[in-house]
Amino acid sequence: MKLKSRTSSLLVVGMVSLLSPAALPPVQGQEQAPNRREITLTARNYRFAPSRIEVAQDDLVKLTVQSEDVAYSLTIDEYRVSRRVPAGGSTTLEFRADRAGTFSFYSNLTNDARHAQMKGELVVRGR
């Protein structure tokens, strides 16, 4: 009698481990969890550094912009993100890079004509 219940218990444990998601092979076409990318841009002397950032499509991007002198902003039209960066301070914006391509980012402030020269590009590599 004891042998039968022990065998039944082993069968149940074996069946549960077979049904565990970790034991199943990935299904083709199943999406993986997105990567998190943390990037810091420095704004100084009316320039962004680096002026080119690269991520993969579907990355969750956390972009921190730090000003080392005056107030700036960072705008990426295609992702509908725009944040003001206080003088000597920083701001963070987050978005999912869901479209492949090359997108401009810039400072949209107009209080000084030098803001118009602040440009960079976000490159989103396709899957």
Protein backbone atom coordinates (compact mmCIF):
# COMPACT_ATOMS: atom_id res chain seq x y z
CA MET A 1 0.00 0.00 0.00
CA LYS A 2 2.80 2.42 0.86
CA LEU A 3 4.58 1.63 -2.40
CA LYS A 4 1.50 2.48 -4.46
CA SER A 5 0.96 5.92 -2.84
CA ARG A 6 4.66 6.75 -3.19
CA THR A 7 4.56 5.83 -6.90
CA SER A 8 1.44 7.99 -7.37
CA SER A 9 3.16 10.93 -5.69
CA LEU A 10 6.19 10.60 -7.97
CA LEU A 11 3.92 10.49 -11.03
CA VAL A 12 2.13 13.68 -9.96
CA VAL A 13 5.42 15.49 -9.26
CA GLY A 14 6.78 14.34 -12.62
CA MET A 15 3.67 15.51 -14.47
CA VAL A 16 3.70 18.91 -12.74
CA SER A 17 7.36 19.47 -13.62
CA LEU A 18 6.61 18.59 -17.25
CA LEU A 19 3.84 21.19 -17.34
CA SER A 20 5.99 23.90 -15.74
CA PRO A 21 6.60 26.83 -18.15
CA ALA A 22 10.34 26.60 -17.46
CA ALA A 23 10.33 23.02 -18.74
CA LEU A 24 8.55 23.87 -21.99
CA PRO A 25 10.60 24.85 -25.04
CA PRO A 26 9.93 28.39 -26.33
CA VAL A 27 7.20 28.63 -28.92
CA GLN A 28 8.39 29.99 -32.26
CA GLY A 29 7.28 33.58 -32.76
CA GLN A 30 6.82 34.05 -29.03
CA GLU A 31 8.04 37.49 -28.01
CA GLN A 32 10.81 37.80 -25.48
CA ALA A 33 10.67 40.27 -22.65
CA PRO A 34 12.01 43.65 -23.83
CA ASN A 35 15.50 44.78 -22.83
CA ARG A 36 15.81 47.75 -20.53
CA ARG A 37 18.30 50.34 -21.77
CA GLU A 38 19.49 53.16 -19.52
CA ILE A 39 21.26 55.96 -21.36
CA THR A 40 22.62 59.27 -20.09
CA LEU A 41 22.99 62.29 -22.37
CA THR A 42 24.91 65.37 -21.35
CA ALA A 43 23.77 68.80 -22.55
CA ARG A 44 26.52 71.42 -22.48
CA ASN A 45 27.44 74.42 -24.57
CA TYR A 46 24.39 73.87 -26.80
CA ARG A 47 25.40 70.32 -27.74
CA PHE A 48 24.25 66.82 -26.77
CA ALA A 49 26.87 64.19 -25.94
CA PRO A 50 26.66 61.63 -27.27
CA SER A 51 24.81 63.00 -30.28
CA ARG A 52 23.92 59.51 -31.50
CA ILE A 53 22.30 56.80 -29.43
CA GLU A 54 21.46 53.30 -30.60
CA VAL A 55 18.92 50.82 -29.20
CA ALA A 56 17.10 47.74 -30.45
CA GLN A 57 13.47 47.73 -31.50
CA ASP A 58 11.16 47.07 -28.53
CA ASP A 59 13.78 48.11 -25.95
CA LEU A 60 12.39 49.97 -22.95
CA VAL A 61 14.51 53.11 -22.99
CA LYS A 62 15.19 55.19 -19.89
CA LEU A 63 16.93 58.35 -21.07
CA THR A 64 18.42 60.75 -18.52
CA VAL A 65 19.49 64.18 -19.77
CA GLN A 66 21.87 66.18 -17.58
CA SER A 67 22.53 69.87 -18.12
CA GLU A 68 25.97 71.14 -17.19
CA ASP A 69 25.15 74.82 -17.72
CA VAL A 70 21.87 76.38 -18.96
CA ALA A 71 18.34 75.01 -19.35
CA TYR A 72 17.66 72.78 -22.35
CA SER A 73 14.99 70.39 -23.53
CA LEU A 74 14.98 67.07 -25.31
CA THR A 75 12.29 66.24 -27.86
CA ILE A 76 11.78 63.16 -30.02
CA ASP A 77 8.73 63.86 -32.18
CA GLU A 78 8.14 60.31 -33.43
CA TYR A 79 7.89 59.01 -29.86
CA ARG A 80 5.93 62.02 -28.63
CA VAL A 81 8.37 62.71 -25.82
CA SER A 82 9.57 66.14 -24.79
CA ARG A 83 11.05 67.22 -21.47
CA ARG A 84 12.61 70.39 -20.17
CA VAL A 85 16.02 70.03 -18.51
CA PRO A 86 16.65 72.63 -15.78
CA ALA A 87 19.94 74.56 -15.71
CA GLY A 88 22.48 72.41 -13.90
CA GLY A 89 19.88 69.68 -13.35
CA SER A 90 18.58 66.57 -15.01
CA THR A 91 15.38 64.97 -16.21
CA THR A 92 14.43 61.44 -17.21
CA LEU A 93 12.10 60.24 -19.91
CA GLU A 94 11.02 56.70 -20.69
CA PHE A 95 9.55 55.14 -23.80
CA ARG A 96 9.41 51.87 -25.70
CA ALA A 97 11.39 51.98 -28.96
CA ASP A 98 8.65 50.21 -30.90
CA ARG A 99 9.57 51.46 -34.40
CA ALA A 100 12.79 50.77 -36.29
CA GLY A 101 14.49 53.68 -38.00
CA THR A 102 16.55 56.80 -37.38
CA PHE A 103 14.84 59.61 -35.49
CA SER A 104 16.04 63.12 -34.70
CA PHE A 105 16.14 64.53 -31.20
CA TYR A 106 16.65 68.19 -30.42
CA SER A 107 16.19 71.02 -27.96
CA ASN A 108 12.93 72.82 -28.69
CA LEU A 109 13.63 75.90 -26.57
CA THR A 110 13.56 79.24 -28.38
CA ASN A 111 14.98 81.66 -25.81
CA ASP A 112 18.40 81.45 -27.49
CA ALA A 113 19.05 80.81 -31.19
CA ARG A 114 21.82 78.33 -30.27
CA HIS A 115 19.18 75.79 -29.18
CA ALA A 116 18.43 75.24 -32.89
CA GLN A 117 21.89 73.70 -33.37
CA MET A 118 21.26 71.06 -30.68
CA LYS A 119 20.52 67.92 -32.65
CA GLY A 120 21.17 64.25 -32.37
CA GLU A 121 19.83 60.99 -33.65
CA LEU A 122 18.22 57.97 -32.10
CA VAL A 123 18.86 54.81 -34.11
CA VAL A 124 16.44 51.95 -33.46
CA ARG A 125 17.74 48.72 -35.00
CA GLY A 126 15.03 46.42 -36.34
CA ARG A 127 14.50 42.93 -34.97
